[in-house]
Amino acid sequence: MAANAAFSDSRQRTNQDNKDPIIVIQEKYIQIQFWGLPEDYKMKDLGWKLRCSFGDVLGVDIFQVRGKEHNVVKAQVSLDITRPIKRSLRIVDTNKKVLEVSLKYEWIGNFCNYRGYVGHEARMCSFQLDDSLKGEVKE
């Protein structure tokens, strides 16, 4: 009888689990480093202005690179991780010159360099495997 009780109890939990909503994480707090900015652009204001590109900006600061004489702007943002992540960003200066800024991410976890998605790495990317079988791997 104890075995039947345990069986029916586990079956009830399984039925309950089917009714529970699935929680999908869509946003993650990460830090983004902006590399390749001219020195006169390395201001906290720039990080706050970039919220239209990334989402909610939670904080911006300027850090000196260890062993180097230059600084880097870092912004902590709430990023939608269901969309591909940008590797670079184009901004226009006051002279209408387009600057391409490289982005480096901190606190990101597993990241696919092939597709730009969070949650898996390139070596486990089904898109990269499919493209390599077709001979169409993108650089």
Protein backbone atom coordinates (compact mmCIF):
# COMPACT_ATOMS: atom_id res chain seq x y z
CA MET A 1 0.00 0.00 0.00
CA ALA A 2 2.87 2.36 0.69
CA ALA A 3 4.14 1.81 -2.86
CA ASN A 4 0.72 2.68 -4.31
CA ALA A 5 0.54 5.79 -2.15
CA ALA A 6 3.95 6.90 -3.37
CA PHE A 7 2.96 6.21 -6.98
CA SER A 8 -0.27 8.16 -6.80
CA ASP A 9 1.50 11.01 -4.98
CA SER A 10 4.15 11.29 -7.71
CA ARG A 11 1.47 11.15 -10.40
CA GLN A 12 -0.36 14.03 -8.73
CA ARG A 13 2.81 16.08 -8.66
CA THR A 14 3.35 15.38 -12.35
CA ASN A 15 -0.16 16.56 -13.16
CA GLN A 16 0.43 19.68 -11.07
CA ASP A 17 3.72 20.35 -12.87
CA ASN A 18 1.87 20.37 -16.20
CA LYS A 19 -0.30 23.21 -14.91
CA ASP A 20 2.57 25.36 -13.65
CA PRO A 21 3.60 28.19 -15.98
CA ILE A 22 7.03 28.01 -17.57
CA ILE A 23 9.27 30.90 -16.56
CA VAL A 24 11.39 32.22 -19.41
CA ILE A 25 14.25 34.58 -18.61
CA GLN A 26 14.35 37.34 -21.19
CA GLU A 27 16.58 39.93 -19.58
CA LYS A 28 19.93 39.72 -17.85
CA TYR A 29 22.04 42.31 -16.07
CA ILE A 30 25.43 42.56 -17.72
CA GLN A 31 28.24 45.05 -18.15
CA ILE A 32 29.28 46.28 -21.56
CA GLN A 33 32.72 47.75 -22.28
CA PHE A 34 32.99 50.24 -25.15
CA TRP A 35 36.36 49.90 -26.92
CA GLY A 36 37.73 52.14 -29.66
CA LEU A 37 36.19 55.39 -28.46
CA PRO A 38 38.25 58.56 -28.92
CA GLU A 39 39.41 59.94 -25.56
CA ASP A 40 37.08 62.95 -25.75
CA TYR A 41 34.06 60.59 -26.03
CA LYS A 42 34.88 58.66 -22.85
CA MET A 43 32.28 60.30 -20.63
CA LYS A 44 29.52 58.90 -18.45
CA ASP A 45 26.95 60.78 -20.55
CA LEU A 46 27.75 58.55 -23.52
CA GLY A 47 26.78 55.42 -21.60
CA TRP A 48 23.45 56.93 -20.61
CA LYS A 49 22.73 58.01 -24.21
CA LEU A 50 23.24 54.44 -25.45
CA ARG A 51 20.15 53.12 -23.65
CA CYS A 52 18.21 53.29 -26.92
CA SER A 53 20.56 50.61 -28.29
CA PHE A 54 20.53 48.23 -25.32
CA GLY A 55 17.64 48.82 -22.97
CA ASP A 56 17.65 50.09 -19.41
CA VAL A 57 21.00 51.49 -18.32
CA LEU A 58 21.51 50.90 -14.60
CA GLY A 59 24.89 52.57 -14.20
CA VAL A 60 27.85 53.97 -16.12
CA ASP A 61 31.44 54.43 -15.03
CA ILE A 62 34.89 54.97 -16.50
CA PHE A 63 37.70 52.56 -15.64
CA GLN A 64 41.41 52.67 -16.28
CA VAL A 65 42.68 49.59 -18.09
CA ARG A 66 45.24 47.76 -15.95
CA GLY A 67 48.77 48.30 -17.26
CA LYS A 68 47.61 50.81 -19.90
CA GLU A 69 47.26 54.57 -19.98
CA HIS A 70 43.79 54.69 -21.47
CA ASN A 71 40.31 54.42 -19.99
CA VAL A 72 37.27 52.40 -20.99
CA VAL A 73 33.59 53.24 -20.53
CA LYS A 74 31.49 50.51 -18.90
CA ALA A 75 27.72 50.49 -18.67
CA GLN A 76 25.62 48.08 -16.63
CA VAL A 77 22.46 47.34 -18.59
CA SER A 78 19.42 45.13 -18.51
CA LEU A 79 19.77 43.32 -21.84
CA ASP A 80 17.13 41.33 -23.76
CA ILE A 81 18.94 38.01 -24.21
CA THR A 82 16.32 36.55 -26.54
CA ARG A 83 17.74 38.69 -29.36
CA PRO A 84 21.22 38.51 -30.91
CA ILE A 85 23.85 40.55 -29.10
CA LYS A 86 25.76 43.25 -30.97
CA ARG A 87 29.50 42.88 -31.41
CA SER A 88 30.01 46.51 -32.37
CA LEU A 89 28.11 49.75 -32.43
CA ARG A 90 28.24 52.63 -34.89
CA ILE A 91 27.92 56.14 -33.55
CA VAL A 92 28.06 59.46 -35.39
CA ASP A 93 30.25 62.24 -34.01
CA THR A 94 29.56 65.98 -34.25
CA ASN A 95 31.37 66.16 -37.63
CA LYS A 96 29.03 63.49 -39.08
CA LYS A 97 31.88 60.97 -39.04
CA VAL A 98 30.82 57.38 -38.29
CA LEU A 99 32.78 55.64 -35.55
CA GLU A 100 32.66 51.89 -35.01
CA VAL A 101 32.99 50.93 -31.36
CA SER A 102 33.79 47.35 -30.29
CA LEU A 103 31.73 45.88 -27.47
CA LYS A 104 32.97 43.46 -24.83
CA TYR A 105 30.51 41.84 -22.44
CA GLU A 106 31.00 40.89 -18.80
CA TRP A 107 28.80 38.59 -16.69
CA ILE A 108 27.27 37.07 -19.80
CA GLY A 109 27.66 33.34 -19.19
CA ASN A 110 27.45 31.00 -22.20
CA PHE A 111 27.60 33.03 -25.39
CA CYS A 112 27.52 31.89 -29.02
CA ASN A 113 29.98 33.90 -31.08
CA TYR A 114 28.51 32.42 -34.25
CA ARG A 115 24.92 33.65 -33.88
CA GLY A 116 25.30 36.21 -31.08
CA TYR A 117 22.91 34.49 -28.66
CA VAL A 118 23.19 33.88 -24.93
CA GLY A 119 22.52 30.37 -23.64
CA HIS A 120 24.88 28.19 -25.65
CA GLU A 121 28.39 28.33 -27.08
CA ALA A 122 29.44 28.22 -30.73
CA ARG A 123 30.69 24.65 -30.44
CA MET A 124 27.15 23.55 -29.47
CA CYS A 125 25.36 25.80 -31.99
CA SER A 126 23.05 23.83 -34.26
CA PHE A 127 23.15 26.64 -36.84
CA GLN A 128 26.95 26.46 -37.06
CA LEU A 129 26.83 22.67 -37.36
CA ASP A 130 24.22 22.87 -40.13
CA ASP A 131 26.17 25.58 -41.98
CA SER A 132 29.42 23.62 -41.70
CA LEU A 133 27.75 20.55 -43.21
CA LYS A 134 26.60 22.73 -46.13
CA GLY A 135 30.04 24.37 -46.41
CA GLU A 136 28.58 27.81 -45.65
CA VAL A 137 30.21 28.69 -42.31
CA LYS A 138 30.17 32.47 -41.73
CA GLU A 139 33.23 34.22 -40.34
